[in-house]
C-alpha atoms as a PDB file:
ATOM      1  CA  UNK A   1     112.265 100.726 114.869  1.00  0.00           C
ATOM      2  CA  UNK A   2     110.403 103.231 112.717  1.00  0.00           C
ATOM      3  CA  UNK A   3     111.387 106.883 112.693  1.00  0.00           C
ATOM      4  CA  UNK A   4     107.711 107.748 112.528  1.00  0.00           C
ATOM      5  CA  UNK A   5     104.362 106.046 111.935  1.00  0.00           C
ATOM      6  CA  UNK A   6     104.704 106.491 108.146  1.00  0.00           C
ATOM      7  CA  UNK A   7     107.868 104.420 107.794  1.00  0.00           C
ATOM      8  CA  UNK A   8     107.454 101.140 109.652  1.00  0.00           C
ATOM      9  CA  UNK A   9     109.563  98.002 109.474  1.00  0.00           C
ATOM     10  CA  UNK A  10     108.689  94.470 110.463  1.00  0.00           C
ATOM     11  CA  UNK A  11     109.866  90.917 109.911  1.00  0.00           C
ATOM     12  CA  UNK A  12     107.401  89.170 107.594  1.00  0.00           C
ATOM     13  CA  UNK A  13     108.001  85.457 107.147  1.00  0.00           C
ATOM     14  CA  UNK A  14     111.525  85.962 108.518  1.00  0.00           C
ATOM     15  CA  UNK A  15     112.417  88.761 106.056  1.00  0.00           C
ATOM     16  CA  UNK A  16     112.973  92.400 107.085  1.00  0.00           C
ATOM     17  CA  UNK A  17     110.404  94.498 105.209  1.00  0.00           C
ATOM     18  CA  UNK A  18     109.156  98.047 104.919  1.00  0.00           C
ATOM     19  CA  UNK A  19     105.449  97.872 105.693  1.00  0.00           C
ATOM     20  CA  UNK A  20     103.190  99.035 102.882  1.00  0.00           C
ATOM     21  CA  UNK A  21      99.838  98.334 104.510  1.00  0.00           C
ATOM     22  CA  UNK A  22      98.440  96.425 107.476  1.00  0.00           C
ATOM     23  CA  UNK A  23      95.086  94.669 107.851  1.00  0.00           C
ATOM     24  CA  UNK A  24      94.459  94.545 104.105  1.00  0.00           C
ATOM     25  CA  UNK A  25      91.769  92.309 102.683  1.00  0.00           C
ATOM     26  CA  UNK A  26      92.607  89.749 100.006  1.00  0.00           C
ATOM     27  CA  UNK A  27      91.383  91.938  97.097  1.00  0.00           C
ATOM     28  CA  UNK A  28      93.572  94.821  98.290  1.00  0.00           C
ATOM     29  CA  UNK A  29      96.555  92.481  98.608  1.00  0.00           C
ATOM     30  CA  UNK A  30      96.164  91.334  95.000  1.00  0.00           C
ATOM     31  CA  UNK A  31      95.894  94.933  93.742  1.00  0.00           C
ATOM     32  CA  UNK A  32      98.967  96.182  95.636  1.00  0.00           C
ATOM     33  CA  UNK A  33     101.024  93.069  94.937  1.00  0.00           C
ATOM     34  CA  UNK A  34     100.441  93.374  91.193  1.00  0.00           C
ATOM     35  CA  UNK A  35     101.218  97.109  91.223  1.00  0.00           C
ATOM     36  CA  UNK A  36     104.350  96.846  93.367  1.00  0.00           C
ATOM     37  CA  UNK A  37     105.746  93.845  91.493  1.00  0.00           C
ATOM     38  CA  UNK A  38     105.230  95.724  88.223  1.00  0.00           C
ATOM     39  CA  UNK A  39     107.400  98.472  89.759  1.00  0.00           C
ATOM     40  CA  UNK A  40     110.087  95.851  90.529  1.00  0.00           C
ATOM     41  CA  UNK A  41     109.585  95.510  94.268  1.00  0.00           C
ATOM     42  CA  UNK A  42     109.721  92.142  95.977  1.00  0.00           C
ATOM     43  CA  UNK A  43     106.434  91.848  97.866  1.00  0.00           C
ATOM     44  CA  UNK A  44     106.022  89.771 101.023  1.00  0.00           C
ATOM     45  CA  UNK A  45     102.520  89.051 102.342  1.00  0.00           C
ATOM     46  CA  UNK A  46     101.843  87.616 105.792  1.00  0.00           C
ATOM     47  CA  UNK A  47      98.615  86.988 107.666  1.00  0.00           C
ATOM     48  CA  UNK A  48      97.868  89.732 110.184  1.00  0.00           C
ATOM     49  CA  UNK A  49      97.695  88.637 113.798  1.00  0.00           C
ATOM     50  CA  UNK A  50      94.178  88.053 115.154  1.00  0.00           C
ATOM     51  CA  UNK A  51      92.557  90.947 117.013  1.00  0.00           C
ATOM     52  CA  UNK A  52      93.204  91.170 120.727  1.00  0.00           C
ATOM     53  CA  UNK A  53      90.719  89.393 122.992  1.00  0.00           C
ATOM     54  CA  UNK A  54      87.946  91.412 124.625  1.00  0.00           C
ATOM     55  CA  UNK A  55      87.847  92.062 128.342  1.00  0.00           C
ATOM     56  CA  UNK A  56      86.520  89.171 130.438  1.00  0.00           C
ATOM     57  CA  UNK A  57      82.764  89.086 131.008  1.00  0.00           C
ATOM     58  CA  UNK A  58      81.499  89.199 134.611  1.00  0.00           C
ATOM     59  CA  UNK A  59      80.135  85.913 135.968  1.00  0.00           C
ATOM     60  CA  UNK A  60      76.496  85.294 135.177  1.00  0.00           C
ATOM     61  CA  UNK A  61      76.341  87.677 132.229  1.00  0.00           C
ATOM     62  CA  UNK A  62      75.831  86.181 128.818  1.00  0.00           C
ATOM     63  CA  UNK A  63      76.872  87.886 125.631  1.00  0.00           C
ATOM     64  CA  UNK A  64      76.586  86.538 122.110  1.00  0.00           C
ATOM     65  CA  UNK A  65      79.726  85.312 120.424  1.00  0.00           C
ATOM     66  CA  UNK A  66      81.312  87.995 118.230  1.00  0.00           C
ATOM     67  CA  UNK A  67      81.289  87.422 114.477  1.00  0.00           C
ATOM     68  CA  UNK A  68      84.517  85.983 113.113  1.00  0.00           C
ATOM     69  CA  UNK A  69      87.057  88.621 112.117  1.00  0.00           C
ATOM     70  CA  UNK A  70      87.817  88.815 108.402  1.00  0.00           C
ATOM     71  CA  UNK A  71      91.130  87.371 107.305  1.00  0.00           C
ATOM     72  CA  UNK A  72      93.528  90.253 106.807  1.00  0.00           C
ATOM     73  CA  UNK A  73      97.119  90.514 105.691  1.00  0.00           C
ATOM     74  CA  UNK A  74     100.182  92.671 106.182  1.00  0.00           C
ATOM     75  CA  UNK A  75     101.908  93.732 102.972  1.00  0.00           C
ATOM     76  CA  UNK A  76     105.592  94.594 102.901  1.00  0.00           C
ATOM     77  CA  UNK A  77     108.419  95.053 100.421  1.00  0.00           C
ATOM     78  CA  UNK A  78     111.988  93.920 100.899  1.00  0.00           C
ATOM     79  CA  UNK A  79     113.335  97.375  99.969  1.00  0.00           C
ATOM     80  CA  UNK A  80     113.416  98.935 103.445  1.00  0.00           C
ATOM     81  CA  UNK A  81     113.825 102.395 101.894  1.00  0.00           C
ATOM     82  CA  UNK A  82     110.290 102.168 100.442  1.00  0.00           C
ATOM     83  CA  UNK A  83     107.711 104.583 101.811  1.00  0.00           C
ATOM     84  CA  UNK A  84     104.261 104.566 100.197  1.00  0.00           C
ATOM     85  CA  UNK A  85     103.622 108.276 100.819  1.00  0.00           C
ATOM     86  CA  UNK A  86     106.929 109.290  99.230  1.00  0.00           C
ATOM     87  CA  UNK A  87     106.395 106.892  96.327  1.00  0.00           C
ATOM     88  CA  UNK A  88     102.927 108.263  95.526  1.00  0.00           C
ATOM     89  CA  UNK A  89     103.533 111.989  95.941  1.00  0.00           C
ATOM     90  CA  UNK A  90     107.046 111.708  94.532  1.00  0.00           C
ATOM     91  CA  UNK A  91     105.480 110.166  91.394  1.00  0.00           C
ATOM     92  CA  UNK A  92     107.808 107.164  91.603  1.00  0.00           C
ATOM     93  CA  UNK A  93     105.290 104.411  90.824  1.00  0.00           C
ATOM     94  CA  UNK A  94     103.790 103.589  87.417  1.00  0.00           C
ATOM     95  CA  UNK A  95     100.704 101.653  86.420  1.00  0.00           C
ATOM     96  CA  UNK A  96     101.040  98.808  83.898  1.00  0.00           C
ATOM     97  CA  UNK A  97      99.567 101.108  81.226  1.00  0.00           C
ATOM     98  CA  UNK A  98     102.356 103.676  81.788  1.00  0.00           C
ATOM     99  CA  UNK A  99     100.598 106.318  83.901  1.00  0.00           C
ATOM    100  CA  UNK A 100     101.924 107.723  87.158  1.00  0.00           C
ATOM    101  CA  UNK A 101     100.147 106.245  90.202  1.00  0.00           C
ATOM    102  CA  UNK A 102      97.910 108.853  91.805  1.00  0.00           C
ATOM    103  CA  UNK A 103      96.579 108.843  95.355  1.00  0.00           C
ATOM    104  CA  UNK A 104      93.057 108.039  94.132  1.00  0.00           C
ATOM    105  CA  UNK A 105      94.383 105.093  92.100  1.00  0.00           C
ATOM    106  CA  UNK A 106      96.433 103.822  95.074  1.00  0.00           C
ATOM    107  CA  UNK A 107      93.331 104.011  97.289  1.00  0.00           C
ATOM    108  CA  UNK A 108      91.338 102.253  94.533  1.00  0.00           C
ATOM    109  CA  UNK A 109      88.900 105.144  94.197  1.00  0.00           C
ATOM    110  CA  UNK A 110      89.662 105.309  90.461  1.00  0.00           C
ATOM    111  CA  UNK A 111      90.132 102.409  88.056  1.00  0.00           C
ATOM    112  CA  UNK A 112      92.456 104.412  85.796  1.00  0.00           C
ATOM    113  CA  UNK A 113      95.211 106.683  87.066  1.00  0.00           C
ATOM    114  CA  UNK A 114      94.498 110.242  85.866  1.00  0.00           C
ATOM    115  CA  UNK A 115      97.955 111.747  86.315  1.00  0.00           C
ATOM    116  CA  UNK A 116      97.204 114.837  84.194  1.00  0.00           C
ATOM    117  CA  UNK A 117      94.912 116.393  86.822  1.00  0.00           C
ATOM    118  CA  UNK A 118      96.665 117.403  90.077  1.00  0.00           C
ATOM    119  CA  UNK A 119      95.238 115.694  93.178  1.00  0.00           C
ATOM    120  CA  UNK A 120      94.434 119.066  94.795  1.00  0.00           C
ATOM    121  CA  UNK A 121      92.154 120.015  91.885  1.00  0.00           C
ATOM    122  CA  UNK A 122      90.020 116.873  92.069  1.00  0.00           C
ATOM    123  CA  UNK A 123      86.641 117.096  93.747  1.00  0.00           C
END
């Protein structure tokens, strides 16, 4: 059981993991997997459960079928002490080119981690 919402645990493929991100698309999974494995974490990826079914429709009413939900994944690491917020703001993660991972880089808003400019000074 998690102490709070920011430090969740779950069994992924039968392995106890600290959850890094839920409902991630395939491109996001590849980005985080590469980054976390570079930082020597063992990454476990499992398909996210399908969304819950909608409420039943009253008899006689017709509604169009909803579009198929995108395939999403849950990303976890086997180090249950891992917390993404602490790792980012504690400057514990590095990019393959040697820079500290910034929040904007983690969120994929920047292609290169600019660790010389503090996050609170960015516009």
